[in-house]
């Protein structure tokens, strides 16, 4: 009997947690990957590219090791994706 009530308690808690996750995901979806974000990136594409290029140039001067690390990660990711296909 004790095992039964413990199991039922866990099942009820599990359902409550699942419901909480669903609620939090719906709240988070308001702030991530909305049409507003897509429109912003479409309208400011050039500015974003310039900022990223400026960041890379700054990295070349200040921290070339970090740049090497980024490039290596990118290479490994491309290699992994080509092996998958």
PDB file of N, CA and C in Angstrom:
ATOM      1  N   UNK A   1       0.807  -1.201   0.000  1.00  0.00           N
ATOM      2  CA  UNK A   1       0.000   0.000   0.000  1.00  0.00           C
ATOM      3  C   UNK A   1       0.848   1.262   0.000  1.00  0.00           C
ATOM      4  N   UNK A   2       1.903   1.260   0.792  1.00  0.00           N
ATOM      5  CA  UNK A   2       2.774   2.432   0.874  1.00  0.00           C
ATOM      6  C   UNK A   2       3.422   2.713  -0.481  1.00  0.00           C
ATOM      7  N   UNK A   3       3.799   1.649  -1.174  1.00  0.00           N
ATOM      8  CA  UNK A   3       4.410   1.781  -2.490  1.00  0.00           C
ATOM      9  C   UNK A   3       3.434   2.399  -3.480  1.00  0.00           C
ATOM     10  N   UNK A   4       2.154   2.005  -3.392  1.00  0.00           N
ATOM     11  CA  UNK A   4       1.124   2.504  -4.286  1.00  0.00           C
ATOM     12  C   UNK A   4       0.917   4.014  -4.122  1.00  0.00           C
ATOM     13  N   UNK A   5       0.846   4.486  -2.902  1.00  0.00           N
ATOM     14  CA  UNK A   5       0.627   5.918  -2.664  1.00  0.00           C
ATOM     15  C   UNK A   5       1.846   6.729  -3.090  1.00  0.00           C
ATOM     16  N   UNK A   6       3.018   6.161  -2.871  1.00  0.00           N
ATOM     17  CA  UNK A   6       4.246   6.844  -3.284  1.00  0.00           C
ATOM     18  C   UNK A   6       4.289   6.969  -4.812  1.00  0.00           C
ATOM     19  N   UNK A   7       3.916   5.904  -5.506  1.00  0.00           N
ATOM     20  CA  UNK A   7       3.900   5.921  -6.965  1.00  0.00           C
ATOM     21  C   UNK A   7       2.874   6.923  -7.481  1.00  0.00           C
ATOM     22  N   UNK A   8       1.698   6.919  -6.881  1.00  0.00           N
ATOM     23  CA  UNK A   8       0.662   7.876  -7.289  1.00  0.00           C
ATOM     24  C   UNK A   8       1.113   9.306  -7.047  1.00  0.00           C
ATOM     25  N   UNK A   9       1.773   9.541  -5.930  1.00  0.00           N
ATOM     26  CA  UNK A   9       2.292  10.875  -5.629  1.00  0.00           C
ATOM     27  C   UNK A   9       3.302  11.321  -6.662  1.00  0.00           C
ATOM     28  N   UNK A  10       4.166  10.399  -7.067  1.00  0.00           N
ATOM     29  CA  UNK A  10       5.170  10.731  -8.081  1.00  0.00           C
ATOM     30  C   UNK A  10       4.519  11.002  -9.437  1.00  0.00           C
ATOM     31  N   UNK A  11       3.491  10.233  -9.780  1.00  0.00           N
ATOM     32  CA  UNK A  11       2.798  10.448 -11.046  1.00  0.00           C
ATOM     33  C   UNK A  11       2.108  11.815 -11.069  1.00  0.00           C
ATOM     34  N   UNK A  12       1.494  12.183  -9.960  1.00  0.00           N
ATOM     35  CA  UNK A  12       0.833  13.486  -9.869  1.00  0.00           C
ATOM     36  C   UNK A  12       1.858  14.610  -9.978  1.00  0.00           C
ATOM     37  N   UNK A  13       2.978  14.455  -9.280  1.00  0.00           N
ATOM     38  CA  UNK A  13       4.038  15.468  -9.345  1.00  0.00           C
ATOM     39  C   UNK A  13       4.590  15.580 -10.754  1.00  0.00           C
ATOM     40  N   UNK A  14       4.751  14.453 -11.424  1.00  0.00           N
ATOM     41  CA  UNK A  14       5.258  14.432 -12.796  1.00  0.00           C
ATOM     42  C   UNK A  14       4.309  15.191 -13.727  1.00  0.00           C
ATOM     43  N   UNK A  15       3.020  14.982 -13.585  1.00  0.00           N
ATOM     44  CA  UNK A  15       2.033  15.680 -14.413  1.00  0.00           C
ATOM     45  C   UNK A  15       2.068  17.184 -14.154  1.00  0.00           C
ATOM     46  N   UNK A  16       2.213  17.571 -12.885  1.00  0.00           N
ATOM     47  CA  UNK A  16       2.297  19.001 -12.550  1.00  0.00           C
ATOM     48  C   UNK A  16       3.534  19.629 -13.190  1.00  0.00           C
ATOM     49  N   UNK A  17       4.652  18.921 -13.135  1.00  0.00           N
ATOM     50  CA  UNK A  17       5.885  19.440 -13.724  1.00  0.00           C
ATOM     51  C   UNK A  17       5.769  19.545 -15.244  1.00  0.00           C
ATOM     52  N   UNK A  18       5.123  18.568 -15.863  1.00  0.00           N
ATOM     53  CA  UNK A  18       4.918  18.629 -17.319  1.00  0.00           C
ATOM     54  C   UNK A  18       4.080  19.845 -17.677  1.00  0.00           C
ATOM     55  N   UNK A  19       3.039  20.113 -16.900  1.00  0.00           N
ATOM     56  CA  UNK A  19       2.174  21.269 -17.155  1.00  0.00           C
ATOM     57  C   UNK A  19       2.953  22.567 -16.969  1.00  0.00           C
ATOM     58  N   UNK A  20       3.803  22.628 -15.952  1.00  0.00           N
ATOM     59  CA  UNK A  20       4.626  23.813 -15.719  1.00  0.00           C
ATOM     60  C   UNK A  20       5.578  24.047 -16.890  1.00  0.00           C
ATOM     61  N   UNK A  21       6.171  22.991 -17.398  1.00  0.00           N
ATOM     62  CA  UNK A  21       7.079  23.105 -18.540  1.00  0.00           C
ATOM     63  C   UNK A  21       6.342  23.668 -19.747  1.00  0.00           C
ATOM     64  N   UNK A  22       5.148  23.172 -20.003  1.00  0.00           N
ATOM     65  CA  UNK A  22       4.361  23.654 -21.140  1.00  0.00           C
ATOM     66  C   UNK A  22       4.052  25.141 -20.980  1.00  0.00           C
ATOM     67  N   UNK A  23       3.678  25.562 -19.789  1.00  0.00           N
ATOM     68  CA  UNK A  23       3.373  26.970 -19.538  1.00  0.00           C
ATOM     69  C   UNK A  23       4.603  27.847 -19.738  1.00  0.00           C
ATOM     70  N   UNK A  24       5.736  27.403 -19.220  1.00  0.00           N
ATOM     71  CA  UNK A  24       6.963  28.190 -19.350  1.00  0.00           C
ATOM     72  C   UNK A  24       7.418  28.273 -20.796  1.00  0.00           C
ATOM     73  N   UNK A  25       7.267  27.191 -21.547  1.00  0.00           N
ATOM     74  CA  UNK A  25       7.648  27.216 -22.959  1.00  0.00           C
ATOM     75  C   UNK A  25       6.771  28.184 -23.738  1.00  0.00           C
ATOM     76  N   UNK A  26       5.485  28.235 -23.413  1.00  0.00           N
ATOM     77  CA  UNK A  26       4.599  29.167 -24.114  1.00  0.00           C
ATOM     78  C   UNK A  26       4.968  30.610 -23.775  1.00  0.00           C
ATOM     79  N   UNK A  27       5.348  30.869 -22.533  1.00  0.00           N
ATOM     80  CA  UNK A  27       5.778  32.222 -22.156  1.00  0.00           C
ATOM     81  C   UNK A  27       7.094  32.582 -22.842  1.00  0.00           C
ATOM     82  N   UNK A  28       7.996  31.634 -22.930  1.00  0.00           N
ATOM     83  CA  UNK A  28       9.295  31.897 -23.546  1.00  0.00           C
ATOM     84  C   UNK A  28       9.173  32.114 -25.044  1.00  0.00           C
ATOM     85  N   UNK A  29       8.219  31.472 -25.671  1.00  0.00           N
ATOM     86  CA  UNK A  29       8.075  31.598 -27.115  1.00  0.00           C
ATOM     87  C   UNK A  29       7.748  33.028 -27.526  1.00  0.00           C
ATOM     88  N   UNK A  30       7.215  33.826 -26.612  1.00  0.00           N
ATOM     89  CA  UNK A  30       6.932  35.222 -26.912  1.00  0.00           C
ATOM     90  C   UNK A  30       8.216  36.005 -27.186  1.00  0.00           C
ATOM     91  N   UNK A  31       9.314  35.567 -26.594  1.00  0.00           N
ATOM     92  CA  UNK A  31      10.554  36.336 -26.661  1.00  0.00           C
ATOM     93  C   UNK A  31      11.599  35.741 -27.594  1.00  0.00           C
ATOM     94  N   UNK A  32      11.343  34.573 -28.138  1.00  0.00           N
ATOM     95  CA  UNK A  32      12.353  33.938 -28.979  1.00  0.00           C
ATOM     96  C   UNK A  32      11.776  33.604 -30.342  1.00  0.00           C
ATOM     97  N   UNK A  33      12.557  33.874 -31.361  1.00  0.00           N
ATOM     98  CA  UNK A  33      12.239  33.497 -32.743  1.00  0.00           C
ATOM     99  C   UNK A  33      10.860  33.949 -33.202  1.00  0.00           C
ATOM    100  N   UNK A  34      10.553  35.167 -32.917  1.00  0.00           N
ATOM    101  CA  UNK A  34       9.283  35.700 -33.399  1.00  0.00           C
ATOM    102  C   UNK A  34       9.510  36.364 -34.756  1.00  0.00           C
ATOM    103  N   UNK A  35       8.436  36.754 -35.391  1.00  0.00           N
ATOM    104  CA  UNK A  35       8.541  37.452 -36.670  1.00  0.00           C
ATOM    105  C   UNK A  35       9.273  38.780 -36.512  1.00  0.00           C
ATOM    106  N   UNK A  36       9.121  39.369 -35.340  1.00  0.00           N
ATOM    107  CA  UNK A  36       9.794  40.645 -35.080  1.00  0.00           C
ATOM    108  C   UNK A  36      11.306  40.488 -35.173  1.00  0.00           C
ATOM    109  N   UNK A  37      11.845  39.380 -34.614  1.00  0.00           N
ATOM    110  CA  UNK A  37      13.281  39.138 -34.693  1.00  0.00           C
ATOM    111  C   UNK A  37      13.715  38.930 -36.141  1.00  0.00           C
ATOM    112  N   UNK A  38      12.938  38.174 -36.876  1.00  0.00           N
ATOM    113  CA  UNK A  38      13.270  37.907 -38.279  1.00  0.00           C
ATOM    114  C   UNK A  38      13.272  39.200 -39.087  1.00  0.00           C
ATOM    115  N   UNK A  39      12.270  40.027 -38.868  1.00  0.00           N
ATOM    116  CA  UNK A  39      12.205  41.301 -39.592  1.00  0.00           C
ATOM    117  C   UNK A  39      13.386  42.190 -39.236  1.00  0.00           C
ATOM    118  N   UNK A  40      13.776  42.207 -37.971  1.00  0.00           N
ATOM    119  CA  UNK A  40      14.907  43.023 -37.549  1.00  0.00           C
ATOM    120  C   UNK A  40      16.170  42.607 -38.293  1.00  0.00           C
ATOM    121  N   UNK A  41      16.425  41.299 -38.356  1.00  0.00           N
ATOM    122  CA  UNK A  41      17.632  40.827 -39.019  1.00  0.00           C
ATOM    123  C   UNK A  41      17.576  41.043 -40.525  1.00  0.00           C
ATOM    124  N   UNK A  42      16.399  40.964 -41.097  1.00  0.00           N
ATOM    125  CA  UNK A  42      16.275  41.242 -42.526  1.00  0.00           C
ATOM    126  C   UNK A  42      16.518  42.719 -42.821  1.00  0.00           C
ATOM    127  N   UNK A  43      16.005  43.581 -41.985  1.00  0.00           N
ATOM    128  CA  UNK A  43      16.135  45.022 -42.216  1.00  0.00           C
ATOM    129  C   UNK A  43      17.525  45.544 -41.879  1.00  0.00           C
ATOM    130  N   UNK A  44      18.233  44.897 -40.988  1.00  0.00           N
ATOM    131  CA  UNK A  44      19.539  45.388 -40.542  1.00  0.00           C
ATOM    132  C   UNK A  44      20.663  44.427 -40.887  1.00  0.00           C
ATOM    133  N   UNK A  45      20.509  43.718 -41.970  1.00  0.00           N
ATOM    134  CA  UNK A  45      21.474  42.689 -42.359  1.00  0.00           C
ATOM    135  C   UNK A  45      22.893  43.250 -42.513  1.00  0.00           C
ATOM    136  N   UNK A  46      23.008  44.359 -43.197  1.00  0.00           N
ATOM    137  CA  UNK A  46      24.330  44.945 -43.438  1.00  0.00           C
ATOM    138  C   UNK A  46      25.001  45.392 -42.143  1.00  0.00           C
ATOM    139  N   UNK A  47      24.230  46.016 -41.281  1.00  0.00           N
ATOM    140  CA  UNK A  47      24.793  46.486 -40.015  1.00  0.00           C
ATOM    141  C   UNK A  47      25.280  45.319 -39.156  1.00  0.00           C
ATOM    142  N   UNK A  48      24.532  44.234 -39.153  1.00  0.00           N
ATOM    143  CA  UNK A  48      24.919  43.055 -38.374  1.00  0.00           C
ATOM    144  C   UNK A  48      26.190  42.439 -38.937  1.00  0.00           C
ATOM    145  N   UNK A  49      26.279  42.386 -40.259  1.00  0.00           N
ATOM    146  CA  UNK A  49      27.497  41.866 -40.886  1.00  0.00           C
ATOM    147  C   UNK A  49      28.705  42.732 -40.542  1.00  0.00           C
ATOM    148  N   UNK A  50      28.521  44.032 -40.572  1.00  0.00           N
ATOM    149  CA  UNK A  50      29.617  44.938 -40.242  1.00  0.00           C
ATOM    150  C   UNK A  50      30.062  44.758 -38.794  1.00  0.00           C
ATOM    151  N   UNK A  51      29.102  44.625 -37.898  1.00  0.00           N
ATOM    152  CA  UNK A  51      29.451  44.436 -36.490  1.00  0.00           C
ATOM    153  C   UNK A  51      30.214  43.131 -36.284  1.00  0.00           C
ATOM    154  N   UNK A  52      29.804  42.083 -36.962  1.00  0.00           N
ATOM    155  CA  UNK A  52      30.498  40.806 -36.803  1.00  0.00           C
ATOM    156  C   UNK A  52      31.907  40.878 -37.397  1.00  0.00           C
ATOM    157  N   UNK A  53      32.061  41.560 -38.520  1.00  0.00           N
ATOM    158  CA  UNK A  53      33.395  41.721 -39.109  1.00  0.00           C
ATOM    159  C   UNK A  53      34.306  42.547 -38.188  1.00  0.00           C
ATOM    160  N   UNK A  54      33.729  43.578 -37.588  1.00  0.00           N
ATOM    161  CA  UNK A  54      34.487  44.394 -36.648  1.00  0.00           C
ATOM    162  C   UNK A  54      34.949  43.558 -35.448  1.00  0.00           C
ATOM    163  N   UNK A  55      34.074  42.685 -34.985  1.00  0.00           N
ATOM    164  CA  UNK A  55      34.405  41.808 -33.863  1.00  0.00           C
ATOM    165  C   UNK A  55      35.538  40.849 -34.239  1.00  0.00           C
ATOM    166  N   UNK A  56      35.489  40.301 -35.438  1.00  0.00           N
ATOM    167  CA  UNK A  56      36.538  39.377 -35.890  1.00  0.00           C
ATOM    168  C   UNK A  56      37.875  40.111 -36.008  1.00  0.00           C
ATOM    169  N   UNK A  57      37.847  41.325 -36.543  1.00  0.00           N
ATOM    170  CA  UNK A  57      39.074  42.112 -36.653  1.00  0.00           C
ATOM    171  C   UNK A  57      39.649  42.418 -35.272  1.00  0.00           C
ATOM    172  N   UNK A  58      38.792  42.727 -34.360  1.00  0.00           N
ATOM    173  CA  UNK A  58      39.230  43.009 -32.991  1.00  0.00           C
ATOM    174  C   UNK A  58      39.849  41.755 -32.367  1.00  0.00           C
ATOM    175  N   UNK A  59      39.241  40.602 -32.640  1.00  0.00           N
ATOM    176  CA  UNK A  59      39.775  39.345 -32.115  1.00  0.00           C
ATOM    177  C   UNK A  59      41.150  39.030 -32.705  1.00  0.00           C
ATOM    178  N   UNK A  60      41.327  39.339 -33.970  1.00  0.00           N
ATOM    179  CA  UNK A  60      42.623  39.080 -34.614  1.00  0.00           C
ATOM    180  C   UNK A  60      43.744  39.799 -33.867  1.00  0.00           C
ATOM    181  N   UNK A  61      43.455  40.983 -33.404  1.00  0.00           N
ATOM    182  CA  UNK A  61      44.464  41.790 -32.722  1.00  0.00           C
ATOM    183  C   UNK A  61      44.599  41.381 -31.254  1.00  0.00           C
ATOM    184  N   UNK A  62      43.474  41.275 -30.571  1.00  0.00           N
ATOM    185  CA  UNK A  62      43.521  41.079 -29.124  1.00  0.00           C
ATOM    186  C   UNK A  62      43.746  39.635 -28.699  1.00  0.00           C
ATOM    187  N   UNK A  63      43.090  38.696 -29.379  1.00  0.00           N
ATOM    188  CA  UNK A  63      43.141  37.321 -28.906  1.00  0.00           C
ATOM    189  C   UNK A  63      43.110  36.338 -30.079  1.00  0.00           C
ATOM    190  N   UNK A  64      44.234  36.159 -30.767  1.00  0.00           N
ATOM    191  CA  UNK A  64      44.253  35.258 -31.924  1.00  0.00           C
ATOM    192  C   UNK A  64      43.986  33.794 -31.558  1.00  0.00           C
ATOM    193  N   UNK A  65      44.281  33.428 -30.316  1.00  0.00           N
ATOM    194  CA  UNK A  65      44.031  32.041 -29.900  1.00  0.00           C
ATOM    195  C   UNK A  65      42.527  31.751 -29.890  1.00  0.00           C
ATOM    196  N   UNK A  66      41.738  32.716 -29.470  1.00  0.00           N
ATOM    197  CA  UNK A  66      40.288  32.542 -29.450  1.00  0.00           C
ATOM    198  C   UNK A  66      39.760  32.385 -30.878  1.00  0.00           C
ATOM    199  N   UNK A  67      40.330  33.135 -31.791  1.00  0.00           N
ATOM    200  CA  UNK A  67      39.939  33.043 -33.186  1.00  0.00           C
ATOM    201  C   UNK A  67      40.274  31.664 -33.748  1.00  0.00           C
ATOM    202  N   UNK A  68      41.441  31.149 -33.385  1.00  0.00           N
ATOM    203  CA  UNK A  68      41.808  29.797 -33.803  1.00  0.00           C
ATOM    204  C   UNK A  68      40.823  28.777 -33.266  1.00  0.00           C
ATOM    205  N   UNK A  69      40.429  28.959 -32.020  1.00  0.00           N
ATOM    206  CA  UNK A  69      39.469  28.047 -31.399  1.00  0.00           C
ATOM    207  C   UNK A  69      38.131  28.085 -32.138  1.00  0.00           C
ATOM    208  N   UNK A  70      37.643  29.281 -32.472  1.00  0.00           N
ATOM    209  CA  UNK A  70      36.391  29.414 -33.208  1.00  0.00           C
ATOM    210  C   UNK A  70      36.476  28.703 -34.555  1.00  0.00           C
ATOM    211  N   UNK A  71      37.564  28.939 -35.249  1.00  0.00           N
ATOM    212  CA  UNK A  71      37.726  28.331 -36.571  1.00  0.00           C
ATOM    213  C   UNK A  71      37.825  26.816 -36.486  1.00  0.00           C
ATOM    214  N   UNK A  72      38.498  26.325 -35.469  1.00  0.00           N
ATOM    215  CA  UNK A  72      38.616  24.878 -35.298  1.00  0.00           C
ATOM    216  C   UNK A  72      37.248  24.258 -35.005  1.00  0.00           C
ATOM    217  N   UNK A  73      36.476  24.900 -34.139  1.00  0.00           N
ATOM    218  CA  UNK A  73      35.127  24.400 -33.834  1.00  0.00           C
ATOM    219  C   UNK A  73      34.273  24.379 -35.094  1.00  0.00           C
ATOM    220  N   UNK A  74      34.385  25.426 -35.883  1.00  0.00           N
ATOM    221  CA  UNK A  74      33.621  25.500 -37.116  1.00  0.00           C
ATOM    222  C   UNK A  74      34.025  24.382 -38.074  1.00  0.00           C
ATOM    223  N   UNK A  75      35.315  24.154 -38.188  1.00  0.00           N
ATOM    224  CA  UNK A  75      35.816  23.080 -39.040  1.00  0.00           C
ATOM    225  C   UNK A  75      35.297  21.728 -38.569  1.00  0.00           C
ATOM    226  N   UNK A  76      35.359  21.488 -37.262  1.00  0.00           N
ATOM    227  CA  UNK A  76      34.905  20.203 -36.726  1.00  0.00           C
ATOM    228  C   UNK A  76      33.400  20.024 -36.952  1.00  0.00           C
ATOM    229  N   UNK A  77      32.643  21.098 -36.820  1.00  0.00           N
ATOM    230  CA  UNK A  77      31.204  21.024 -37.039  1.00  0.00           C
ATOM    231  C   UNK A  77      30.892  20.711 -38.499  1.00  0.00           C
ATOM    232  N   UNK A  78      31.601  21.372 -39.426  1.00  0.00           N
ATOM    233  CA  UNK A  78      31.402  21.084 -40.856  1.00  0.00           C
ATOM    234  C   UNK A  78      31.769  19.650 -41.176  1.00  0.00           C
ATOM    235  N   UNK A  79      32.857  19.198 -40.581  1.00  0.00           N
ATOM    236  CA  UNK A  79      33.300  17.821 -40.810  1.00  0.00           C
ATOM    237  C   UNK A  79      32.262  16.814 -40.283  1.00  0.00           C
ATOM    238  N   UNK A  80      31.719  17.094 -39.111  1.00  0.00           N
ATOM    239  CA  UNK A  80      30.706  16.231 -38.525  1.00  0.00           C
ATOM    240  C   UNK A  80      29.443  16.201 -39.400  1.00  0.00           C
ATOM    241  N   UNK A  81      29.032  17.347 -39.896  1.00  0.00           N
ATOM    242  CA  UNK A  81      27.837  17.413 -40.726  1.00  0.00           C
ATOM    243  C   UNK A  81      28.045  16.701 -42.064  1.00  0.00           C
ATOM    244  N   UNK A  82      29.231  16.782 -42.608  1.00  0.00           N
ATOM    245  CA  UNK A  82      29.487  16.103 -43.887  1.00  0.00           C
ATOM    246  C   UNK A  82      29.535  14.585 -43.694  1.00  0.00           C
ATOM    247  N   UNK A  83      29.953  14.131 -42.518  1.00  0.00           N
ATOM    248  CA  UNK A  83      29.984  12.687 -42.239  1.00  0.00           C
ATOM    249  C   UNK A  83      28.585  12.136 -42.022  1.00  0.00           C
ATOM    250  N   UNK A  84      27.700  12.959 -41.492  1.00  0.00           N
ATOM    251  CA  UNK A  84      26.336  12.526 -41.229  1.00  0.00           C
ATOM    252  C   UNK A  84      25.590  12.276 -42.525  1.00  0.00           C
ATOM    253  N   UNK A  85      25.780  13.156 -43.481  1.00  0.00           N
ATOM    254  CA  UNK A  85      25.068  13.052 -44.768  1.00  0.00           C
ATOM    255  C   UNK A  85      25.690  12.022 -45.591  1.00  0.00           C
TER     256      UNK A  85
END
